[in-house]
């Protein structure tokens, strides 16, 4: 992803996921942590929100991607 302000490269700053665990397996999850969505946050269609920051100037607007 490129910065809209300077066209410089952006790097992944933060990922916010809908689920705490992978949906294909629960075998290794501790019993007390079996709840898949403890925060109640739902991103898009149960995906992830990625937030990117400009590597040249952190004051530039952040970039966002929903997967």
C-alpha atoms as a PDB file:
ATOM      1  CA  UNK A   1       0.000   0.000   0.000  1.00  0.00           C
ATOM      2  CA  UNK A   2       1.272   3.468  -0.873  1.00  0.00           C
ATOM      3  CA  UNK A   3       0.731   6.663   1.122  1.00  0.00           C
ATOM      4  CA  UNK A   4      -1.880   8.986  -0.381  1.00  0.00           C
ATOM      5  CA  UNK A   5       0.033  12.085   0.762  1.00  0.00           C
ATOM      6  CA  UNK A   6       3.544  11.277  -0.534  1.00  0.00           C
ATOM      7  CA  UNK A   7       3.217   7.998  -2.502  1.00  0.00           C
ATOM      8  CA  UNK A   8       5.800   6.459  -0.170  1.00  0.00           C
ATOM      9  CA  UNK A   9       5.556   2.924   1.157  1.00  0.00           C
ATOM     10  CA  UNK A  10       3.308   2.130   4.100  1.00  0.00           C
ATOM     11  CA  UNK A  11       3.808  -0.633   6.653  1.00  0.00           C
ATOM     12  CA  UNK A  12       1.291  -2.651   8.609  1.00  0.00           C
ATOM     13  CA  UNK A  13       0.705  -0.973  11.961  1.00  0.00           C
ATOM     14  CA  UNK A  14      -2.244  -2.914  13.394  1.00  0.00           C
ATOM     15  CA  UNK A  15      -4.622  -5.751  12.539  1.00  0.00           C
ATOM     16  CA  UNK A  16      -8.038  -6.004  14.189  1.00  0.00           C
ATOM     17  CA  UNK A  17      -9.633  -9.412  13.666  1.00  0.00           C
ATOM     18  CA  UNK A  18     -13.240 -10.463  14.235  1.00  0.00           C
ATOM     19  CA  UNK A  19     -12.248 -13.814  15.740  1.00  0.00           C
ATOM     20  CA  UNK A  20      -9.617 -14.589  18.347  1.00  0.00           C
ATOM     21  CA  UNK A  21      -8.847 -18.000  16.849  1.00  0.00           C
ATOM     22  CA  UNK A  22      -8.702 -19.677  13.440  1.00  0.00           C
ATOM     23  CA  UNK A  23     -12.117 -20.988  12.461  1.00  0.00           C
ATOM     24  CA  UNK A  24     -10.860 -24.347  11.149  1.00  0.00           C
ATOM     25  CA  UNK A  25      -9.585 -25.759  14.457  1.00  0.00           C
ATOM     26  CA  UNK A  26     -10.283 -25.380  18.166  1.00  0.00           C
ATOM     27  CA  UNK A  27      -8.206 -28.336  19.376  1.00  0.00           C
ATOM     28  CA  UNK A  28      -5.394 -26.235  20.873  1.00  0.00           C
ATOM     29  CA  UNK A  29      -7.517 -23.471  22.424  1.00  0.00           C
ATOM     30  CA  UNK A  30      -7.646 -23.580  26.250  1.00  0.00           C
ATOM     31  CA  UNK A  31     -11.110 -24.525  27.525  1.00  0.00           C
ATOM     32  CA  UNK A  32     -11.560 -21.191  29.315  1.00  0.00           C
ATOM     33  CA  UNK A  33     -10.865 -19.335  26.043  1.00  0.00           C
ATOM     34  CA  UNK A  34     -13.338 -21.174  23.774  1.00  0.00           C
ATOM     35  CA  UNK A  35     -15.345 -18.031  23.020  1.00  0.00           C
ATOM     36  CA  UNK A  36     -14.429 -17.017  19.449  1.00  0.00           C
ATOM     37  CA  UNK A  37     -15.469 -13.376  19.603  1.00  0.00           C
ATOM     38  CA  UNK A  38     -15.085 -12.160  23.205  1.00  0.00           C
ATOM     39  CA  UNK A  39     -15.048  -8.444  22.305  1.00  0.00           C
ATOM     40  CA  UNK A  40     -18.134  -8.521  20.079  1.00  0.00           C
ATOM     41  CA  UNK A  41     -16.265  -6.590  17.352  1.00  0.00           C
ATOM     42  CA  UNK A  42     -17.207  -7.641  13.818  1.00  0.00           C
ATOM     43  CA  UNK A  43     -15.086  -6.341  10.950  1.00  0.00           C
ATOM     44  CA  UNK A  44     -16.735  -6.379   7.527  1.00  0.00           C
ATOM     45  CA  UNK A  45     -18.045  -9.858   6.831  1.00  0.00           C
ATOM     46  CA  UNK A  46     -16.272 -11.372   9.861  1.00  0.00           C
ATOM     47  CA  UNK A  47     -12.821 -10.471   8.528  1.00  0.00           C
ATOM     48  CA  UNK A  48      -9.887  -8.290   9.508  1.00  0.00           C
ATOM     49  CA  UNK A  49      -9.195  -4.559   9.491  1.00  0.00           C
ATOM     50  CA  UNK A  50      -5.567  -3.735   8.624  1.00  0.00           C
ATOM     51  CA  UNK A  51      -4.223  -0.281   9.484  1.00  0.00           C
ATOM     52  CA  UNK A  52      -1.108   0.987   7.685  1.00  0.00           C
ATOM     53  CA  UNK A  53       1.239   3.884   8.538  1.00  0.00           C
ATOM     54  CA  UNK A  54       3.470   5.927   6.229  1.00  0.00           C
ATOM     55  CA  UNK A  55       7.141   5.041   6.709  1.00  0.00           C
ATOM     56  CA  UNK A  56       8.258   8.544   5.642  1.00  0.00           C
ATOM     57  CA  UNK A  57       6.014  10.660   7.859  1.00  0.00           C
ATOM     58  CA  UNK A  58       3.798   9.266  10.643  1.00  0.00           C
ATOM     59  CA  UNK A  59       1.677  12.437  10.490  1.00  0.00           C
ATOM     60  CA  UNK A  60       0.325  11.393   7.062  1.00  0.00           C
ATOM     61  CA  UNK A  61      -3.149   9.812   6.975  1.00  0.00           C
ATOM     62  CA  UNK A  62      -3.313   6.111   7.794  1.00  0.00           C
ATOM     63  CA  UNK A  63      -4.286   3.557   5.158  1.00  0.00           C
ATOM     64  CA  UNK A  64      -6.973   0.932   5.748  1.00  0.00           C
ATOM     65  CA  UNK A  65      -7.770  -2.440   4.229  1.00  0.00           C
ATOM     66  CA  UNK A  66     -10.593  -4.836   5.118  1.00  0.00           C
ATOM     67  CA  UNK A  67     -10.086  -8.472   4.235  1.00  0.00           C
END
